Amino acid sequence: MRLMRLMRLMQLQMYAPPPNNTLIMIRFLPSRSRPITTTLNAVAFASMFAASAAAYALPAQPTRPPASAPTRVPALNDTVAFIYLLGTDTVAIERVLSRPDGVRGELVVRSQGRVVWHQHIEGSQPTAFDLDAFAPTAGAGALPAQSVTLRVRGDSAFMDVNANGSSNTTQRVKVLPGTEWLLNTSVLHNDVLATLAAKRSQDTVNLVLAQGGMQYKMAVRKIGDTTLVSLAGTDMRFVHDALGLKEARVGMNTTVRRVSAADLGKLSVKAAAEKPSYAAPANAPYTAEDIVVNTEAGFQLAGTLTRPRGAAKVPLVITISGSGEQERDSRLATVQGYGIFRDIADTLSRRGIAVLRMDDRGVGASTGRETRAVSTSADYANDVKEVLKYARSRKDIDATRIVLLGHSEGGMIAPMVASQDKGVRAIVLLAGPAYNGRRVMTFQNQDAVNQARTLTNAQRDSIMKTVPAALDSIGRTNPWIQFFMQHDPLKTARLITQPVLILQGETDRQVTPEQADTLYATLRNAGNTAVTMKKFPATDHLFLTDSVGAASGYASLPDKHVRRVVLGTLADWLNTTLR
């Protein structure tokens, strides 16, 4: 899911930060998927809550430029608090304070770190924008882990980034004059910019996303006390009263509502995720062992090996996560109860197959976080090779029967490894991409724009014309994105001689269903006859039962476990292939 990286939001994703600590956040959607798993949807705000939880790639406190005192500020109460609801579930709390120099906000999203933002304003014009991001475990008095000052001068948007108080960088993105920065994940910041635009009688605003770096036009229309906003596929409705913003509706499933201090005191959103348990269920016919792989690069990869009881040597499946920062289950903080690799490990280990699932480098109990800023999918493929080496060293694992299983971006990485290591017995691709990243992200953006009901065709065309240059700009500063945009999965697929199982949901809108057909045909045409493909109706990118497949709807799905028919198909094929 190193892609929720264009959560997303660049999806904000394939879900959930990029795999790195740069400002630009791109996510495939979970698996992150992400989200190829954070959704490559460049913005759809609501999908941020349905994609993998991504860390803010906002890097500690650069020198803030002085801001002139504005003559007025947006229509927000001096001190107000809002809750973010997915259905009836509170997933975030945001507090906003009007100040002489603008508006300051503090956003806490469930299972993510706290983000503090400050929109400087002069008159009715936003100027500099400051962001401070805190680690999920940071206490009240902690310093920000990452800080950034965002500004626009002429046709250039600048990002002055400071990471952990030591690493300072400046990034530049070419933009249209008058472009404004937007914090994708903050509904309140959306309202601030829309309110200012309405005061200027401006019906469209050029935006550049603080997460993702993509550029879009925000359409703004004010009707009485309501402001209607359309932004890259997401429709938002802001209702105001004498105190300011009263309620906002984002997409189909997200509501942001003002609450009183008394009500807020009854609510809480944990910024730090509770440490998950990777223990085997009670009375399970398998064990769960925490393991550590020492890499040649000097960091450690932590994981859990579930192994059927009783057998001397067993076959093994090694899981490979999608884009974004994924722990070993590929859980999504905003889709409570989801964990694709946990479900797979439980099913297969009950069917006689061991499963080794790992925390990504720099995530969970794995070290090496300092390497993520420059890491690409090729580096994550090297991590898989290290895990393979470890697995083959174990006497209780049959080294001749090891399978790689990748979801989303992991479905791109598995062939990269297997094409170079013919000792890998087979590979399984769950929603693996057939197209290069540029094509995938372009489609995701087009899909998001097409869903924006309030945009005209001319506005859609205008937005999409900005995408190629924005992708180029991101690629120049983000190694992961550059690799992803250039890598051709089909070229790698032609080198695969091992058995391949392709599983695909028919309502997947992150990795579209026809890509499975393309992979299948490419493998077969290259001479690989041991290729099996199975598509599942009403099944989304997360392999959940879902007739729509939109990332914004993941959190509201009634069943958050991988479909039993998917798990059964996987187990049956593995047992046949590994005989």
Protein backbone atom coordinates (compact mmCIF):
# COMPACT_ATOMS: atom_id res chain seq x y z
CA MET A 1 0.00 0.00 0.00
CA ARG A 2 2.94 2.07 -0.39
CA LEU A 3 0.99 3.78 -2.88
CA MET A 4 -3.54 5.24 0.13
CA ARG A 5 0.46 6.53 -1.79
CA LEU A 6 -1.56 8.96 -3.51
CA MET A 7 -4.16 8.60 -0.81
CA ARG A 8 -4.86 8.53 -0.92
CA LEU A 9 -6.02 11.89 -1.27
CA MET A 10 -3.37 10.17 -3.02
CA GLN A 11 -4.94 8.05 -1.16
CA LEU A 12 -4.76 8.73 1.32
CA GLN A 13 -4.38 3.73 1.20
CA MET A 14 -2.49 1.65 -2.40
CA TYR A 15 -3.24 3.47 1.70
CA ALA A 16 -2.63 4.47 3.20
CA PRO A 17 2.49 7.72 3.67
CA PRO A 18 4.55 6.76 0.87
CA PRO A 19 6.93 4.22 2.05
CA ASN A 20 9.11 7.09 2.76
CA ASN A 21 9.23 10.16 4.91
CA THR A 22 9.03 12.75 2.18
CA LEU A 23 6.24 15.25 2.14
CA ILE A 24 4.58 13.61 -0.80
CA MET A 25 2.24 10.90 0.29
CA ILE A 26 1.06 8.40 -2.19
CA ARG A 27 -0.79 5.26 -1.44
CA PHE A 28 -2.24 2.50 -3.33
CA LEU A 29 -4.83 1.94 -0.93
CA PRO A 30 -4.51 -0.32 1.64
CA SER A 31 -3.39 -3.18 1.54
CA ARG A 32 -2.14 -1.17 2.18
CA SER A 33 -4.07 -2.28 0.48
CA ARG A 34 -3.91 1.46 1.01
CA PRO A 35 -5.73 1.20 0.00
CA ILE A 36 -2.20 -0.58 -4.52
CA THR A 37 -3.47 -0.96 -1.65
CA THR A 38 -4.04 3.90 0.12
CA THR A 39 -5.97 4.10 -3.14
CA LEU A 40 -4.35 5.75 -5.83
CA ASN A 41 -7.26 8.10 -5.84
CA ALA A 42 -5.44 11.30 -5.71
CA VAL A 43 -7.91 12.97 -3.49
CA ALA A 44 -11.23 11.62 -2.70
CA PHE A 45 -11.22 12.83 0.85
CA ALA A 46 -13.72 10.40 2.23
CA SER A 47 -11.62 7.49 1.10
CA MET A 48 -8.90 8.56 3.49
CA PHE A 49 -10.97 6.99 6.22
CA ALA A 50 -11.30 3.80 4.25
CA ALA A 51 -7.73 3.44 3.25
CA SER A 52 -4.80 2.23 5.15
CA ALA A 53 -3.74 4.54 7.91
CA ALA A 54 -0.78 6.41 6.58
CA ALA A 55 1.71 8.31 8.57
CA TYR A 56 1.91 11.93 7.59
CA ALA A 57 4.93 12.45 5.40
CA LEU A 58 5.30 15.84 6.91
CA PRO A 59 8.41 16.45 8.23
CA ALA A 60 10.03 19.54 12.93
CA GLN A 61 10.06 22.93 13.05
CA PRO A 62 11.49 25.03 10.30
CA THR A 63 11.72 28.75 10.82
CA ARG A 64 8.27 30.17 10.29
CA PRO A 65 8.01 33.24 8.10
CA PRO A 66 6.36 36.22 9.79
CA ALA A 67 2.74 36.65 8.82
CA SER A 68 0.93 39.92 8.59
CA ALA A 69 -2.20 40.27 10.71
CA PRO A 70 -5.32 39.71 8.61
CA THR A 71 -8.20 42.13 8.58
CA ARG A 72 -10.63 39.26 9.06
CA VAL A 73 -10.70 35.47 9.36
CA PRO A 74 -13.02 32.71 8.12
CA ALA A 75 -16.45 32.27 9.67
CA LEU A 76 -15.39 29.93 12.44
CA ASN A 77 -16.04 30.28 16.12
CA ASP A 78 -13.07 31.40 18.23
CA THR A 79 -12.69 27.93 19.72
CA VAL A 80 -14.68 25.03 18.34
CA ALA A 81 -14.39 21.25 18.21
CA PHE A 82 -15.70 18.79 15.66
CA ILE A 83 -16.08 15.05 15.48
CA TYR A 84 -15.67 13.03 12.28
CA LEU A 85 -18.23 10.26 11.92
CA LEU A 86 -18.24 7.26 9.64
CA GLY A 87 -21.83 6.26 10.13
CA THR A 88 -22.10 6.44 13.92
CA ASP A 89 -18.44 5.65 14.55
CA THR A 90 -16.22 8.54 15.71
CA VAL A 91 -12.95 8.27 13.79
CA ALA A 92 -11.40 11.70 14.35
CA ILE A 93 -11.61 14.87 16.42
CA GLU A 94 -10.52 18.28 15.18
CA ARG A 95 -10.25 21.48 17.19
CA VAL A 96 -10.05 24.88 15.53
CA LEU A 97 -9.04 28.25 16.96
CA SER A 98 -9.34 31.60 15.18
CA ARG A 99 -6.25 33.76 15.75
CA PRO A 100 -5.18 37.26 14.73
CA ASP A 101 -2.92 35.76 12.06
CA GLY A 102 -5.32 33.15 10.74
CA VAL A 103 -6.78 29.81 11.82
CA ARG A 104 -5.08 27.05 13.77
CA GLY A 105 -6.32 23.47 13.85
CA GLU A 106 -5.45 20.23 15.59
CA LEU A 107 -6.55 16.96 14.00
CA VAL A 108 -6.38 13.56 15.68
CA VAL A 109 -7.41 10.61 13.50
CA ARG A 110 -7.92 7.23 15.11
CA SER A 111 -4.71 5.20 15.21
CA GLN A 112 -2.67 7.98 13.64
CA GLY A 113 -0.45 10.71 15.04
CA ARG A 114 -1.68 14.18 15.88
CA VAL A 115 -1.37 16.90 13.22
CA VAL A 116 -1.36 20.62 14.03
CA TRP A 117 -1.91 23.09 11.21
CA HIS A 118 -1.86 26.87 10.94
CA GLN A 119 -3.35 28.69 7.97
CA HIS A 120 -1.99 32.24 7.81
CA ILE A 121 -4.47 34.70 6.33
CA GLU A 122 -4.22 38.26 5.07
CA GLY A 123 -7.60 39.84 4.46
CA SER A 124 -9.53 37.06 2.74
CA GLN A 125 -6.45 35.52 1.16
CA PRO A 126 -4.64 32.48 2.59
CA THR A 127 -0.86 32.85 2.67
CA ALA A 128 1.69 30.54 4.34
CA PHE A 129 0.54 27.20 5.70
CA ASP A 130 2.36 25.39 8.54
CA LEU A 131 2.04 21.74 9.52
CA ASP A 132 3.47 19.82 12.49
CA ALA A 133 3.07 16.04 12.62
CA PHE A 134 3.55 14.05 15.80
CA ALA A 135 4.31 10.37 16.23
CA PRO A 136 1.30 8.25 17.27
CA THR A 137 2.95 7.59 20.63
CA ALA A 138 3.94 11.23 21.28
CA GLY A 139 2.81 12.70 24.59
CA ALA A 140 1.26 16.10 25.17
CA GLY A 141 4.62 17.85 25.57
CA ALA A 142 6.44 16.09 22.74
CA LEU A 143 8.13 17.92 19.91
CA PRO A 144 6.81 17.27 16.40
CA ALA A 145 8.45 14.43 14.53
CA GLN A 146 8.09 16.31 11.27
CA SER A 147 7.30 19.90 10.34
CA VAL A 148 6.79 21.73 7.11
CA THR A 149 6.12 25.26 5.97
CA LEU A 150 4.18 25.48 2.72
CA ARG A 151 4.06 28.62 0.61
CA VAL A 152 3.31 29.72 -2.95
CA ARG A 153 5.30 32.33 -4.84
CA GLY A 154 4.28 33.06 -8.39
CA ASP A 155 4.15 29.80 -10.30
CA SER A 156 5.98 27.76 -7.65
CA ALA A 157 4.78 26.01 -4.50
CA PHE A 158 7.51 25.41 -1.94
CA MET A 159 7.73 22.88 0.88
CA ASP A 160 10.34 23.61 3.55
CA VAL A 161 10.65 20.33 5.42
CA ASN A 162 12.37 19.47 8.67
CA ALA A 163 12.41 15.84 9.84
CA ASN A 164 13.15 15.00 13.46
CA GLY A 165 14.84 18.34 13.98
CA SER A 166 17.81 17.46 11.81
CA SER A 167 17.04 16.83 8.15
CA ASN A 168 16.07 19.98 6.23
CA THR A 169 14.96 19.95 2.62
CA THR A 170 13.08 22.25 0.28
CA GLN A 171 10.84 20.83 -2.44
CA ARG A 172 9.35 22.83 -5.31
CA VAL A 173 6.26 22.09 -7.38
CA LYS A 174 5.28 24.15 -10.42
CA VAL A 175 1.72 25.47 -9.98
CA LEU A 176 -0.69 27.99 -11.43
CA PRO A 177 -0.39 31.49 -9.93
CA GLY A 178 -2.73 31.94 -6.99
CA THR A 179 -2.69 28.25 -6.04
CA GLU A 180 -3.39 27.45 -2.38
CA TRP A 181 -2.17 24.58 -0.21
CA LEU A 182 -4.74 22.14 1.19
CA LEU A 183 -4.40 19.61 3.99
CA ASN A 184 -6.33 16.77 2.36
CA THR A 185 -7.38 15.05 5.54
CA SER A 186 -8.83 18.11 7.27
CA VAL A 187 -12.45 18.91 6.52
CA LEU A 188 -12.04 22.08 8.56
CA HIS A 189 -9.20 23.31 6.37
CA ASN A 190 -11.38 22.61 3.33
CA ASP A 191 -14.03 24.82 4.92
CA VAL A 192 -11.55 27.59 5.67
CA LEU A 193 -10.41 27.78 2.05
CA ALA A 194 -13.95 27.50 0.68
CA THR A 195 -15.19 30.22 3.06
CA LEU A 196 -12.39 32.56 2.03
CA ALA A 197 -13.09 31.87 -1.64
CA ALA A 198 -16.77 32.68 -1.16
CA LYS A 199 -15.83 35.97 0.53
CA ARG A 200 -13.78 36.82 -2.55
CA SER A 201 -16.73 35.83 -4.78
CA GLN A 202 -14.44 33.22 -6.32
CA ASP A 203 -16.15 30.08 -7.62
CA THR A 204 -13.03 28.03 -8.35
CA VAL A 205 -9.75 27.71 -6.45
CA ASN A 206 -6.54 26.09 -7.65
CA LEU A 207 -5.19 23.75 -4.96
CA VAL A 208 -2.05 21.71 -4.38
CA LEU A 209 -2.35 18.88 -1.89
CA ALA A 210 -0.08 18.77 1.14
CA GLN A 211 -0.42 15.01 0.98
CA GLY A 212 0.22 13.81 -2.53
CA GLY A 213 1.35 17.01 -4.22
CA MET A 214 -1.42 16.69 -6.82
CA GLN A 215 -3.14 19.80 -8.16
CA TYR A 216 -6.87 20.25 -8.47
CA LYS A 217 -9.55 22.85 -8.89
CA MET A 218 -11.99 23.27 -6.02
CA ALA A 219 -15.44 24.33 -7.19
CA VAL A 220 -17.23 26.53 -4.63
CA ARG A 221 -20.88 27.58 -4.62
CA LYS A 222 -22.62 29.39 -1.75
CA ILE A 223 -26.38 29.08 -1.27
CA GLY A 224 -27.65 30.86 1.84
CA ASP A 225 -25.96 29.33 4.88
CA THR A 226 -24.65 26.37 2.86
CA THR A 227 -21.42 26.14 0.89
CA LEU A 228 -21.18 23.41 -1.75
CA VAL A 229 -17.72 22.21 -2.68
CA SER A 230 -16.58 19.70 -5.27
CA LEU A 231 -13.00 18.51 -5.23
CA ALA A 232 -11.66 15.73 -7.47
CA GLY A 233 -14.54 13.34 -7.16
CA THR A 234 -15.71 14.24 -3.68
CA ASP A 235 -18.74 16.45 -3.02
CA MET A 236 -18.81 18.33 0.27
CA ARG A 237 -21.62 20.32 1.87
CA PHE A 238 -20.80 22.84 4.63
CA VAL A 239 -23.65 24.24 6.72
CA HIS A 240 -22.97 27.38 8.76
CA ASP A 241 -24.80 29.25 11.50
CA ALA A 242 -24.02 32.31 13.62
CA LEU A 243 -21.17 30.46 15.34
CA GLY A 244 -19.54 29.34 12.13
CA LEU A 245 -19.39 25.85 10.68
CA LYS A 246 -22.12 23.67 12.13
CA GLU A 247 -21.89 20.48 10.10
CA ALA A 248 -20.21 19.13 6.99
CA ARG A 249 -21.11 16.18 4.82
CA VAL A 250 -18.28 14.58 2.84
CA GLY A 251 -19.19 12.08 0.16
CA MET A 252 -21.76 9.47 1.11
CA ASN A 253 -20.50 8.23 4.47
CA THR A 254 -18.57 10.92 6.33
CA THR A 255 -20.15 13.57 8.56
CA VAL A 256 -18.26 16.23 10.49
CA ARG A 257 -20.28 17.77 13.30
CA ARG A 258 -19.62 20.59 15.77
CA VAL A 259 -19.87 19.49 19.39
CA SER A 260 -20.03 21.30 22.71
CA ALA A 261 -17.18 21.22 25.20
CA ALA A 262 -19.33 19.04 27.47
CA ASP A 263 -19.99 16.51 24.73
CA LEU A 264 -16.39 16.54 23.59
CA GLY A 265 -15.27 15.61 27.09
CA LYS A 266 -17.18 12.34 26.73
CA LEU A 267 -15.40 11.42 23.52
CA SER A 268 -11.89 10.26 22.74
CA VAL A 269 -9.97 9.15 19.72
CA LYS A 270 -6.77 7.27 20.35
CA ALA A 271 -3.92 8.69 18.30
CA ALA A 272 -1.77 5.68 19.07
CA ALA A 273 -3.05 2.33 17.92
CA GLU A 274 -3.31 -0.36 20.53
CA LYS A 275 -0.62 -2.97 20.07
CA PRO A 276 -2.24 -5.81 18.15
CA SER A 277 -1.98 -9.39 19.30
CA TYR A 278 -0.49 -11.85 16.85
CA ALA A 279 -1.02 -14.87 19.09
CA ALA A 280 -2.81 -17.92 17.75
CA PRO A 281 -6.48 -18.20 18.74
CA ALA A 282 -7.34 -20.44 21.65
CA ASN A 283 -7.34 -24.13 20.69
CA ALA A 284 -6.03 -23.36 17.19
CA PRO A 285 -4.34 -26.32 15.47
CA TYR A 286 -1.28 -24.18 14.86
CA THR A 287 1.30 -22.16 16.79
CA ALA A 288 2.26 -18.51 16.34
CA GLU A 289 5.92 -17.62 16.79
CA ASP A 290 7.34 -14.08 16.73
CA ILE A 291 10.50 -14.02 14.62
CA VAL A 292 13.19 -11.50 13.65
CA VAL A 293 15.15 -11.41 10.39
CA ASN A 294 18.53 -9.67 10.50
CA THR A 295 19.16 -8.05 7.10
CA GLU A 296 22.46 -7.39 5.38
CA ALA A 297 21.53 -3.70 5.37
CA GLY A 298 21.71 -3.69 9.16
CA PHE A 299 18.07 -3.38 10.16
CA GLN A 300 15.68 -6.02 11.45
CA LEU A 301 12.40 -7.25 10.03
CA ALA A 302 9.92 -8.56 12.59
CA GLY A 303 7.10 -10.95 11.87
CA THR A 304 4.91 -13.85 12.97
CA LEU A 305 5.19 -17.44 11.76
CA THR A 306 2.02 -19.50 12.10
CA ARG A 307 2.84 -23.18 11.77
CA PRO A 308 0.56 -26.25 11.85
CA ARG A 309 1.14 -28.44 14.89
CA GLY A 310 2.62 -31.90 14.56
CA ALA A 311 4.37 -31.85 11.17
CA ALA A 312 8.15 -32.06 10.97
CA LYS A 313 8.42 -29.97 7.81
CA VAL A 314 5.69 -27.89 6.27
CA PRO A 315 5.26 -25.74 3.17
CA LEU A 316 5.32 -21.99 3.69
CA VAL A 317 3.57 -18.92 2.30
CA ILE A 318 5.35 -15.57 2.71
CA THR A 319 3.01 -12.59 2.49
CA ILE A 320 3.96 -9.28 0.84
CA SER A 321 1.99 -6.16 1.71
CA GLY A 322 0.63 -3.42 -0.50
CA SER A 323 1.66 0.22 -0.54
CA GLY A 324 2.00 2.33 2.55
CA GLU A 325 3.33 1.51 5.96
CA GLN A 326 1.93 -1.93 6.71
CA GLU A 327 2.20 -4.04 9.81
CA ARG A 328 2.14 -7.81 9.41
CA ASP A 329 -1.65 -8.24 9.27
CA SER A 330 -2.14 -5.31 6.85
CA ARG A 331 -4.78 -3.94 9.20
CA LEU A 332 -6.55 -0.69 8.39
CA ALA A 333 -7.07 1.59 11.33
CA THR A 334 -10.16 3.09 9.76
CA VAL A 335 -11.68 -0.24 8.74
CA GLN A 336 -11.91 -1.84 12.14
CA GLY A 337 -11.64 -5.62 12.13
CA TYR A 338 -9.89 -5.87 8.76
CA GLY A 339 -6.61 -7.77 8.42
CA ILE A 340 -6.20 -9.65 5.16
CA PHE A 341 -2.99 -11.47 6.10
CA ARG A 342 -4.34 -12.47 9.51
CA ASP A 343 -7.34 -14.08 7.80
CA ILE A 344 -5.07 -15.82 5.28
CA ALA A 345 -2.67 -17.07 7.97
CA ASP A 346 -5.51 -18.51 10.04
CA THR A 347 -7.08 -20.29 7.06
CA LEU A 348 -3.91 -21.76 5.61
CA SER A 349 -2.40 -22.81 8.93
CA ARG A 350 -5.59 -24.77 9.61
CA ARG A 351 -5.06 -26.46 6.22
CA GLY A 352 -1.49 -27.60 6.84
CA ILE A 353 0.44 -24.62 5.42
CA ALA A 354 2.66 -22.32 7.46
CA VAL A 355 2.43 -18.55 6.88
CA LEU A 356 5.11 -15.95 7.58
CA ARG A 357 3.81 -12.39 7.62
CA MET A 358 6.11 -9.44 8.31
CA ASP A 359 6.01 -5.83 9.43
CA ASP A 360 7.31 -3.59 6.65
CA ARG A 361 10.74 -2.09 7.27
CA GLY A 362 10.43 0.77 9.75
CA VAL A 363 6.90 -0.26 10.76
CA GLY A 364 5.69 -2.01 13.90
CA ALA A 365 8.52 -4.00 15.46
CA SER A 366 10.74 -3.75 12.35
CA THR A 367 13.60 -1.27 12.35
CA GLY A 368 15.09 0.64 9.42
CA ARG A 369 12.65 3.54 9.35
CA GLU A 370 15.48 5.88 8.38
CA THR A 371 15.78 4.05 5.04
CA ARG A 372 12.18 4.58 3.93
CA ALA A 373 12.77 8.07 2.52
CA VAL A 374 14.79 6.64 -0.36
CA SER A 375 13.29 3.15 -0.60
CA THR A 376 11.49 1.86 -3.70
CA SER A 377 9.60 -1.31 -4.53
CA ALA A 378 12.95 -2.81 -5.52
CA ASP A 379 14.19 -2.29 -1.96
CA TYR A 380 11.07 -3.93 -0.57
CA ALA A 381 11.71 -6.82 -2.95
CA ASN A 382 15.15 -7.14 -1.36
CA ASP A 383 13.44 -7.36 2.02
CA VAL A 384 11.42 -10.31 0.72
CA LYS A 385 14.66 -11.97 -0.39
CA GLU A 386 16.00 -11.61 3.16
CA VAL A 387 12.86 -13.25 4.52
CA LEU A 388 13.23 -16.06 1.98
CA LYS A 389 16.79 -16.66 3.12
CA TYR A 390 15.63 -16.85 6.73
CA ALA A 391 12.79 -19.25 5.90
CA ARG A 392 15.10 -21.61 4.03
CA SER A 393 17.39 -21.76 7.05
CA ARG A 394 14.68 -23.22 9.28
CA LYS A 395 14.60 -26.99 9.68
CA ASP A 396 10.84 -27.03 10.19
CA ILE A 397 10.15 -25.40 6.79
CA ASP A 398 10.27 -27.32 3.51
CA ALA A 399 12.55 -25.05 1.50
CA THR A 400 11.35 -26.62 -1.76
CA ARG A 401 7.74 -25.58 -1.12
CA ILE A 402 7.81 -21.85 -0.44
CA VAL A 403 5.20 -19.60 -2.05
CA LEU A 404 5.15 -15.78 -2.30
CA LEU A 405 1.74 -14.15 -1.86
CA GLY A 406 1.38 -10.45 -2.60
CA HIS A 407 -1.56 -8.12 -2.27
CA SER A 408 -1.81 -4.95 -4.36
CA GLU A 409 1.70 -3.52 -4.62
CA GLY A 410 2.81 -6.80 -3.08
CA GLY A 411 1.36 -8.42 -6.20
CA MET A 412 3.89 -6.41 -8.17
CA ILE A 413 6.79 -7.27 -5.87
CA ALA A 414 6.22 -11.05 -5.74
CA PRO A 415 6.99 -11.50 -9.46
CA MET A 416 10.06 -9.27 -9.12
CA VAL A 417 11.47 -11.74 -6.59
CA ALA A 418 10.27 -14.96 -8.21
CA SER A 419 11.64 -13.97 -11.62
CA GLN A 420 15.12 -13.92 -10.09
CA ASP A 421 14.72 -16.86 -7.73
CA LYS A 422 13.51 -20.03 -9.42
CA GLY A 423 13.63 -21.79 -6.05
CA VAL A 424 10.34 -20.08 -5.25
CA ARG A 425 7.73 -22.79 -5.82
CA ALA A 426 4.81 -20.57 -6.85
CA ILE A 427 3.35 -17.09 -6.51
CA VAL A 428 -0.11 -15.78 -5.67
CA LEU A 429 -1.21 -12.34 -6.87
CA LEU A 430 -4.15 -10.75 -5.08
CA ALA A 431 -5.21 -7.63 -6.99
CA GLY A 432 -1.75 -7.33 -8.51
CA PRO A 433 -1.33 -4.53 -11.07
CA ALA A 434 -0.64 -5.18 -14.74
CA TYR A 435 -0.07 -1.53 -15.63
CA ASN A 436 2.76 0.81 -14.73
CA GLY A 437 2.11 3.24 -11.92
CA ARG A 438 1.65 6.25 -14.16
CA ARG A 439 -1.24 4.55 -15.94
CA VAL A 440 -2.76 3.33 -12.69
CA MET A 441 -2.60 6.74 -11.03
CA THR A 442 -3.93 8.51 -14.10
CA PHE A 443 -6.93 6.18 -14.14
CA GLN A 444 -7.51 6.63 -10.41
CA ASN A 445 -7.54 10.38 -10.83
CA GLN A 446 -9.88 10.17 -13.81
CA ASP A 447 -12.22 7.89 -11.85
CA ALA A 448 -12.27 10.34 -8.94
CA VAL A 449 -12.96 13.31 -11.20
CA ASN A 450 -15.74 11.45 -13.02
CA GLN A 451 -17.48 10.85 -9.70
CA ALA A 452 -17.63 14.56 -8.92
CA ARG A 453 -21.24 15.22 -9.78
CA THR A 454 -20.98 19.01 -9.58
CA LEU A 455 -18.10 19.31 -12.07
CA THR A 456 -18.77 20.14 -15.69
CA ASN A 457 -17.05 18.19 -18.46
CA ALA A 458 -14.86 21.21 -19.12
CA GLN A 459 -13.82 21.33 -15.47
CA ARG A 460 -13.04 17.61 -15.52
CA ASP A 461 -10.88 18.06 -18.60
CA SER A 462 -9.12 21.01 -17.01
CA ILE A 463 -8.31 19.01 -13.89
CA MET A 464 -7.01 16.03 -15.80
CA LYS A 465 -4.70 18.21 -17.88
CA THR A 466 -2.76 18.98 -14.70
CA VAL A 467 -2.15 15.32 -13.84
CA PRO A 468 0.84 14.50 -16.10
CA ALA A 469 2.90 17.47 -14.90
CA ALA A 470 1.95 16.77 -11.29
CA LEU A 471 3.07 13.15 -11.58
CA ASP A 472 6.34 14.25 -13.14
CA SER A 473 6.90 16.73 -10.32
CA ILE A 474 6.23 14.13 -7.66
CA GLY A 475 8.47 11.60 -9.37
CA ARG A 476 11.40 14.01 -9.34
CA THR A 477 11.32 14.25 -5.55
CA ASN A 478 10.02 10.83 -4.55
CA PRO A 479 12.10 7.74 -5.43
CA TRP A 480 9.27 5.34 -4.66
CA ILE A 481 6.88 7.10 -7.00
CA GLN A 482 9.49 7.39 -9.73
CA PHE A 483 10.12 3.63 -9.64
CA PHE A 484 6.43 2.82 -9.47
CA MET A 485 5.59 4.99 -12.47
CA GLN A 486 8.33 3.44 -14.60
CA HIS A 487 8.12 -0.23 -13.59
CA ASP A 488 6.40 -2.49 -16.13
CA PRO A 489 4.78 -5.46 -14.35
CA LEU A 490 4.18 -7.26 -17.65
CA LYS A 491 7.87 -7.28 -18.51
CA THR A 492 8.53 -9.03 -15.22
CA ALA A 493 5.55 -11.39 -15.66
CA ARG A 494 7.05 -12.73 -18.88
CA LEU A 495 9.99 -14.06 -16.86
CA ILE A 496 7.86 -16.11 -14.47
CA THR A 497 8.01 -19.87 -15.04
CA GLN A 498 6.54 -21.00 -11.71
CA PRO A 499 2.82 -21.70 -11.14
CA VAL A 500 0.78 -18.53 -10.65
CA LEU A 501 -2.61 -17.95 -9.05
CA ILE A 502 -4.32 -14.64 -9.87
CA LEU A 503 -7.20 -13.59 -7.62
CA GLN A 504 -9.22 -10.49 -8.44
CA GLY A 505 -12.33 -8.75 -7.13
CA GLU A 506 -14.73 -7.65 -9.85
CA THR A 507 -15.64 -4.41 -8.06
CA ASP A 508 -12.02 -3.44 -7.33
CA ARG A 509 -11.55 0.25 -8.17
CA GLN A 510 -7.90 0.46 -7.11
CA VAL A 511 -6.56 -2.29 -9.36
CA THR A 512 -9.19 -2.67 -12.04
CA PRO A 513 -10.46 -6.17 -12.94
CA GLU A 514 -9.23 -6.22 -16.53
CA GLN A 515 -5.66 -6.07 -15.23
CA ALA A 516 -6.06 -9.66 -14.04
CA ASP A 517 -6.99 -10.67 -17.59
CA THR A 518 -3.94 -8.84 -18.93
CA LEU A 519 -1.63 -10.57 -16.45
CA TYR A 520 -3.13 -13.96 -17.25
CA ALA A 521 -2.77 -13.51 -21.00
CA THR A 522 0.78 -12.20 -20.69
CA LEU A 523 1.91 -15.13 -18.56
CA ARG A 524 0.28 -17.66 -20.87
CA ASN A 525 1.63 -16.05 -24.04
CA ALA A 526 5.12 -16.17 -22.54
CA GLY A 527 4.82 -19.96 -22.28
CA ASN A 528 3.71 -20.41 -18.67
CA THR A 529 0.91 -22.97 -18.76
CA ALA A 530 0.55 -23.25 -14.97
CA VAL A 531 -1.53 -20.09 -14.58
CA THR A 532 -4.91 -19.98 -12.84
CA MET A 533 -7.16 -16.94 -12.60
CA LYS A 534 -10.28 -16.52 -10.52
CA LYS A 535 -12.49 -13.43 -10.33
CA PHE A 536 -15.03 -12.88 -7.57
CA PRO A 537 -18.27 -10.95 -8.12
CA ALA A 538 -19.16 -8.18 -5.66
CA THR A 539 -15.64 -8.25 -4.24
CA ASP A 540 -13.50 -5.14 -3.77
CA HIS A 541 -9.79 -4.39 -3.51
CA LEU A 542 -9.71 -5.63 0.08
CA PHE A 543 -11.42 -8.89 -0.96
CA LEU A 544 -14.46 -7.99 1.11
CA THR A 545 -18.04 -8.50 -0.03
CA ASP A 546 -18.81 -5.18 -1.70
CA SER A 547 -21.10 -4.52 -4.66
CA VAL A 548 -19.73 -1.00 -5.20
CA GLY A 549 -16.01 -1.15 -4.48
CA ALA A 550 -15.47 2.51 -3.58
CA ALA A 551 -12.80 3.06 -0.95
CA SER A 552 -15.08 5.56 0.78
CA GLY A 553 -17.47 2.72 1.59
CA TYR A 554 -15.01 0.22 3.11
CA ALA A 555 -15.56 1.29 6.70
CA SER A 556 -19.33 0.87 6.48
CA LEU A 557 -19.26 -2.68 5.06
CA PRO A 558 -20.95 -5.12 7.44
CA ASP A 559 -18.32 -7.87 7.13
CA LYS A 560 -14.65 -6.85 7.47
CA HIS A 561 -13.20 -10.33 6.93
CA VAL A 562 -11.84 -11.64 3.65
CA ARG A 563 -14.56 -13.55 1.81
CA ARG A 564 -14.63 -17.26 2.65
CA VAL A 565 -14.85 -18.18 -1.04
CA VAL A 566 -11.59 -16.30 -1.65
CA LEU A 567 -9.84 -18.03 1.24
CA GLY A 568 -11.16 -21.42 0.15
CA THR A 569 -10.03 -20.93 -3.43
CA LEU A 570 -6.57 -19.93 -2.22
CA ALA A 571 -6.22 -22.88 0.15
CA ASP A 572 -7.44 -25.43 -2.41
CA TRP A 573 -5.03 -24.18 -5.09
CA LEU A 574 -2.07 -24.17 -2.70
CA ASN A 575 -2.75 -27.69 -1.45
CA THR A 576 -2.91 -28.92 -5.04
CA THR A 577 0.16 -27.01 -6.19
CA LEU A 578 2.31 -27.91 -3.20
CA ARG A 579 1.73 -31.67 -3.30
